[in-house]
Amino acid sequence: MPPTDDPRPAPPERPLPEDCCQSGCHPCVFDLYEEALERYEERLREWNARQGEASG
């Protein structure tokens, strides 16, 4: 049974198109979102692995 104190990671919230000011900011809100998405995907892979170990 999967541990109850190990909640599934939540994905980052995607910025709305109007959240970008279109002035070439570095980093852009969409760059920050992509970085957060990569971190989320890694955490999700780790979480899935833990869940598989706990149920196996």
PDB file of N, CA and C in Angstrom:
ATOM      1  N   MET A   1       0.853  -1.184   0.000  1.00  0.00           N
ATOM      2  CA  MET A   1       0.000   0.000   0.000  1.00  0.00           C
ATOM      3  C   MET A   1       0.895   1.242   0.000  1.00  0.00           C
ATOM      4  N   PRO A   2       0.603   2.220  -0.881  1.00  0.00           N
ATOM      5  CA  PRO A   2       1.418   3.441  -0.940  1.00  0.00           C
ATOM      6  C   PRO A   2       1.341   4.218   0.362  1.00  0.00           C
ATOM      7  N   PRO A   3       2.433   4.856   0.748  1.00  0.00           N
ATOM      8  CA  PRO A   3       2.411   5.651   1.977  1.00  0.00           C
ATOM      9  C   PRO A   3       1.436   6.818   1.848  1.00  0.00           C
ATOM     10  N   THR A   4       0.750   7.118   2.931  1.00  0.00           N
ATOM     11  CA  THR A   4      -0.223   8.209   2.908  1.00  0.00           C
ATOM     12  C   THR A   4       0.419   9.570   3.140  1.00  0.00           C
ATOM     13  N   ASP A   5       1.652   9.596   3.607  1.00  0.00           N
ATOM     14  CA  ASP A   5       2.331  10.871   3.851  1.00  0.00           C
ATOM     15  C   ASP A   5       3.225  11.274   2.686  1.00  0.00           C
ATOM     16  N   ASP A   6       2.961  10.722   1.507  1.00  0.00           N
ATOM     17  CA  ASP A   6       3.741  11.022   0.304  1.00  0.00           C
ATOM     18  C   ASP A   6       2.768  11.412  -0.810  1.00  0.00           C
ATOM     19  N   PRO A   7       2.220  12.642  -0.728  1.00  0.00           N
ATOM     20  CA  PRO A   7       1.228  13.037  -1.732  1.00  0.00           C
ATOM     21  C   PRO A   7       1.838  13.182  -3.123  1.00  0.00           C
ATOM     22  N   ARG A   8       1.005  12.954  -4.123  1.00  0.00           N
ATOM     23  CA  ARG A   8       1.433  13.107  -5.520  1.00  0.00           C
ATOM     24  C   ARG A   8       1.803  14.575  -5.761  1.00  0.00           C
ATOM     25  N   PRO A   9       2.920  14.837  -6.441  1.00  0.00           N
ATOM     26  CA  PRO A   9       3.295  16.224  -6.738  1.00  0.00           C
ATOM     27  C   PRO A   9       2.229  16.910  -7.590  1.00  0.00           C
ATOM     28  N   ALA A  10       2.073  18.188  -7.388  1.00  0.00           N
ATOM     29  CA  ALA A  10       1.121  18.977  -8.170  1.00  0.00           C
ATOM     30  C   ALA A  10       1.857  19.685  -9.299  1.00  0.00           C
ATOM     31  N   PRO A  11       1.271  19.689 -10.493  1.00  0.00           N
ATOM     32  CA  PRO A  11       1.934  20.373 -11.613  1.00  0.00           C
ATOM     33  C   PRO A  11       1.898  21.885 -11.418  1.00  0.00           C
ATOM     34  N   PRO A  12       2.852  22.580 -12.020  1.00  0.00           N
ATOM     35  CA  PRO A  12       2.828  24.041 -11.926  1.00  0.00           C
ATOM     36  C   PRO A  12       1.679  24.597 -12.762  1.00  0.00           C
ATOM     37  N   GLU A  13       1.238  25.765 -12.415  1.00  0.00           N
ATOM     38  CA  GLU A  13       0.159  26.413 -13.162  1.00  0.00           C
ATOM     39  C   GLU A  13       0.747  27.119 -14.374  1.00  0.00           C
ATOM     40  N   ARG A  14       0.197  26.809 -15.551  1.00  0.00           N
ATOM     41  CA  ARG A  14       0.684  27.423 -16.784  1.00  0.00           C
ATOM     42  C   ARG A  14       0.269  28.896 -16.820  1.00  0.00           C
ATOM     43  N   PRO A  15       1.211  29.775 -17.161  1.00  0.00           N
ATOM     44  CA  PRO A  15       0.858  31.193 -17.260  1.00  0.00           C
ATOM     45  C   PRO A  15      -0.132  31.417 -18.409  1.00  0.00           C
ATOM     46  N   LEU A  16      -0.934  32.425 -18.256  1.00  0.00           N
ATOM     47  CA  LEU A  16      -1.836  32.819 -19.331  1.00  0.00           C
ATOM     48  C   LEU A  16      -1.064  33.642 -20.356  1.00  0.00           C
ATOM     49  N   PRO A  17      -1.507  33.646 -21.595  1.00  0.00           N
ATOM     50  CA  PRO A  17      -0.789  34.445 -22.605  1.00  0.00           C
ATOM     51  C   PRO A  17      -0.604  35.899 -22.180  1.00  0.00           C
ATOM     52  N   GLU A  18      -1.596  36.460 -21.503  1.00  0.00           N
ATOM     53  CA  GLU A  18      -1.480  37.865 -21.092  1.00  0.00           C
ATOM     54  C   GLU A  18      -0.527  38.065 -19.912  1.00  0.00           C
ATOM     55  N   ASP A  19      -0.023  36.960 -19.322  1.00  0.00           N
ATOM     56  CA  ASP A  19       0.965  37.079 -18.251  1.00  0.00           C
ATOM     57  C   ASP A  19       2.335  37.488 -18.789  1.00  0.00           C
ATOM     58  N   CYS A  20       2.542  37.303 -20.087  1.00  0.00           N
ATOM     59  CA  CYS A  20       3.811  37.695 -20.730  1.00  0.00           C
ATOM     60  C   CYS A  20       3.691  39.133 -21.216  1.00  0.00           C
ATOM     61  N   CYS A  21       4.694  39.931 -20.908  1.00  0.00           N
ATOM     62  CA  CYS A  21       4.638  41.346 -21.286  1.00  0.00           C
ATOM     63  C   CYS A  21       5.153  41.610 -22.700  1.00  0.00           C
ATOM     64  N   GLN A  22       5.682  40.566 -23.359  1.00  0.00           N
ATOM     65  CA  GLN A  22       6.167  40.673 -24.740  1.00  0.00           C
ATOM     66  C   GLN A  22       7.320  41.661 -24.908  1.00  0.00           C
ATOM     67  N   SER A  23       8.090  41.882 -23.832  1.00  0.00           N
ATOM     68  CA  SER A  23       9.198  42.834 -23.936  1.00  0.00           C
ATOM     69  C   SER A  23      10.553  42.140 -23.891  1.00  0.00           C
ATOM     70  N   GLY A  24      10.563  40.816 -24.008  1.00  0.00           N
ATOM     71  CA  GLY A  24      11.825  40.088 -24.049  1.00  0.00           C
ATOM     72  C   GLY A  24      12.478  39.895 -22.690  1.00  0.00           C
ATOM     73  N   CYS A  25      11.702  39.866 -21.643  1.00  0.00           N
ATOM     74  CA  CYS A  25      12.255  39.658 -20.304  1.00  0.00           C
ATOM     75  C   CYS A  25      13.053  38.358 -20.252  1.00  0.00           C
ATOM     76  N   HIS A  26      14.096  38.385 -19.443  1.00  0.00           N
ATOM     77  CA  HIS A  26      14.861  37.165 -19.220  1.00  0.00           C
ATOM     78  C   HIS A  26      15.035  36.991 -17.726  1.00  0.00           C
ATOM     79  N   PRO A  27      14.416  36.003 -17.140  1.00  0.00           N
ATOM     80  CA  PRO A  27      13.608  34.986 -17.811  1.00  0.00           C
ATOM     81  C   PRO A  27      12.164  35.433 -17.967  1.00  0.00           C
ATOM     82  N   CYS A  28      11.551  34.934 -19.010  1.00  0.00           N
ATOM     83  CA  CYS A  28      10.133  35.178 -19.269  1.00  0.00           C
ATOM     84  C   CYS A  28       9.315  34.281 -18.343  1.00  0.00           C
ATOM     85  N   VAL A  29       8.073  34.652 -18.075  1.00  0.00           N
ATOM     86  CA  VAL A  29       7.220  33.809 -17.244  1.00  0.00           C
ATOM     87  C   VAL A  29       7.078  32.420 -17.849  1.00  0.00           C
ATOM     88  N   PHE A  30       7.149  32.317 -19.181  1.00  0.00           N
ATOM     89  CA  PHE A  30       7.049  31.008 -19.829  1.00  0.00           C
ATOM     90  C   PHE A  30       8.338  30.201 -19.656  1.00  0.00           C
ATOM     91  N   ASP A  31       9.476  30.877 -19.571  1.00  0.00           N
ATOM     92  CA  ASP A  31      10.739  30.185 -19.258  1.00  0.00           C
ATOM     93  C   ASP A  31      10.673  29.618 -17.844  1.00  0.00           C
ATOM     94  N   LEU A  32      10.185  30.418 -16.920  1.00  0.00           N
ATOM     95  CA  LEU A  32      10.066  29.966 -15.531  1.00  0.00           C
ATOM     96  C   LEU A  32       9.090  28.793 -15.429  1.00  0.00           C
ATOM     97  N   TYR A  33       8.018  28.856 -16.204  1.00  0.00           N
ATOM     98  CA  TYR A  33       7.054  27.755 -16.211  1.00  0.00           C
ATOM     99  C   TYR A  33       7.716  26.477 -16.735  1.00  0.00           C
ATOM    100  N   GLU A  34       8.472  26.570 -17.808  1.00  0.00           N
ATOM    101  CA  GLU A  34       9.131  25.393 -18.369  1.00  0.00           C
ATOM    102  C   GLU A  34      10.103  24.776 -17.361  1.00  0.00           C
ATOM    103  N   GLU A  35      10.827  25.613 -16.638  1.00  0.00           N
ATOM    104  CA  GLU A  35      11.738  25.103 -15.608  1.00  0.00           C
ATOM    105  C   GLU A  35      10.957  24.412 -14.499  1.00  0.00           C
ATOM    106  N   ALA A  36       9.852  25.022 -14.077  1.00  0.00           N
ATOM    107  CA  ALA A  36       9.022  24.422 -13.027  1.00  0.00           C
ATOM    108  C   ALA A  36       8.412  23.112 -13.519  1.00  0.00           C
ATOM    109  N   LEU A  37       8.048  23.055 -14.787  1.00  0.00           N
ATOM    110  CA  LEU A  37       7.471  21.841 -15.353  1.00  0.00           C
ATOM    111  C   LEU A  37       8.498  20.707 -15.369  1.00  0.00           C
ATOM    112  N   GLU A  38       9.738  21.033 -15.715  1.00  0.00           N
ATOM    113  CA  GLU A  38      10.803  20.022 -15.692  1.00  0.00           C
ATOM    114  C   GLU A  38      11.017  19.496 -14.279  1.00  0.00           C
ATOM    115  N   ARG A  39      11.024  20.388 -13.276  1.00  0.00           N
ATOM    116  CA  ARG A  39      11.179  19.953 -11.883  1.00  0.00           C
ATOM    117  C   ARG A  39      10.000  19.083 -11.463  1.00  0.00           C
ATOM    118  N   TYR A  40       8.792  19.475 -11.861  1.00  0.00           N
ATOM    119  CA  TYR A  40       7.601  18.700 -11.538  1.00  0.00           C
ATOM    120  C   TYR A  40       7.686  17.305 -12.153  1.00  0.00           C
ATOM    121  N   GLU A  41       8.069  17.223 -13.422  1.00  0.00           N
ATOM    122  CA  GLU A  41       8.146  15.924 -14.091  1.00  0.00           C
ATOM    123  C   GLU A  41       9.162  15.014 -13.415  1.00  0.00           C
ATOM    124  N   GLU A  42      10.263  15.575 -12.956  1.00  0.00           N
ATOM    125  CA  GLU A  42      11.265  14.783 -12.238  1.00  0.00           C
ATOM    126  C   GLU A  42      10.699  14.299 -10.897  1.00  0.00           C
ATOM    127  N   ARG A  43      10.051  15.198 -10.167  1.00  0.00           N
ATOM    128  CA  ARG A  43       9.438  14.807  -8.886  1.00  0.00           C
ATOM    129  C   ARG A  43       8.363  13.748  -9.103  1.00  0.00           C
ATOM    130  N   LEU A  44       7.612  13.871 -10.202  1.00  0.00           N
ATOM    131  CA  LEU A  44       6.565  12.899 -10.489  1.00  0.00           C
ATOM    132  C   LEU A  44       7.166  11.531 -10.805  1.00  0.00           C
ATOM    133  N   ARG A  45       8.264  11.494 -11.567  1.00  0.00           N
ATOM    134  CA  ARG A  45       8.946  10.220 -11.848  1.00  0.00           C
ATOM    135  C   ARG A  45       9.427   9.583 -10.551  1.00  0.00           C
ATOM    136  N   GLU A  46      10.013  10.392  -9.671  1.00  0.00           N
ATOM    137  CA  GLU A  46      10.486   9.873  -8.381  1.00  0.00           C
ATOM    138  C   GLU A  46       9.319   9.370  -7.543  1.00  0.00           C
ATOM    139  N   TRP A  47       8.223  10.117  -7.529  1.00  0.00           N
ATOM    140  CA  TRP A  47       7.040   9.722  -6.769  1.00  0.00           C
ATOM    141  C   TRP A  47       6.476   8.405  -7.305  1.00  0.00           C
ATOM    142  N   ASN A  48       6.365   8.295  -8.644  1.00  0.00           N
ATOM    143  CA  ASN A  48       5.862   7.064  -9.242  1.00  0.00           C
ATOM    144  C   ASN A  48       6.739   5.876  -8.881  1.00  0.00           C
ATOM    145  N   ALA A  49       8.045   6.087  -8.870  1.00  0.00           N
ATOM    146  CA  ALA A  49       8.959   5.000  -8.499  1.00  0.00           C
ATOM    147  C   ALA A  49       8.724   4.583  -7.047  1.00  0.00           C
ATOM    148  N   ARG A  50       8.545   5.577  -6.159  1.00  0.00           N
ATOM    149  CA  ARG A  50       8.279   5.240  -4.751  1.00  0.00           C
ATOM    150  C   ARG A  50       6.953   4.490  -4.606  1.00  0.00           C
ATOM    151  N   GLN A  51       5.964   4.900  -5.358  1.00  0.00           N
ATOM    152  CA  GLN A  51       4.652   4.243  -5.277  1.00  0.00           C
ATOM    153  C   GLN A  51       4.754   2.799  -5.758  1.00  0.00           C
ATOM    154  N   GLY A  52       5.531   2.572  -6.804  1.00  0.00           N
ATOM    155  CA  GLY A  52       5.726   1.214  -7.307  1.00  0.00           C
ATOM    156  C   GLY A  52       6.447   0.339  -6.289  1.00  0.00           C
ATOM    157  N   GLU A  53       7.442   0.929  -5.627  1.00  0.00           N
ATOM    158  CA  GLU A  53       8.185   0.180  -4.598  1.00  0.00           C
ATOM    159  C   GLU A  53       7.275  -0.146  -3.419  1.00  0.00           C
ATOM    160  N   ALA A  54       6.408   0.797  -3.055  1.00  0.00           N
ATOM    161  CA  ALA A  54       5.550   0.598  -1.893  1.00  0.00           C
ATOM    162  C   ALA A  54       4.462  -0.447  -2.167  1.00  0.00           C
ATOM    163  N   SER A  55       4.040  -0.562  -3.435  1.00  0.00           N
ATOM    164  CA  SER A  55       2.981  -1.521  -3.742  1.00  0.00           C
ATOM    165  C   SER A  55       3.538  -2.878  -4.139  1.00  0.00           C
ATOM    166  N   GLY A  56       4.844  -2.938  -4.417  1.00  0.00           N
ATOM    167  CA  GLY A  56       5.453  -4.171  -4.895  1.00  0.00           C
ATOM    168  C   GLY A  56       5.945  -5.018  -3.819  1.00  0.00           C
TER     169      GLY A  56
END
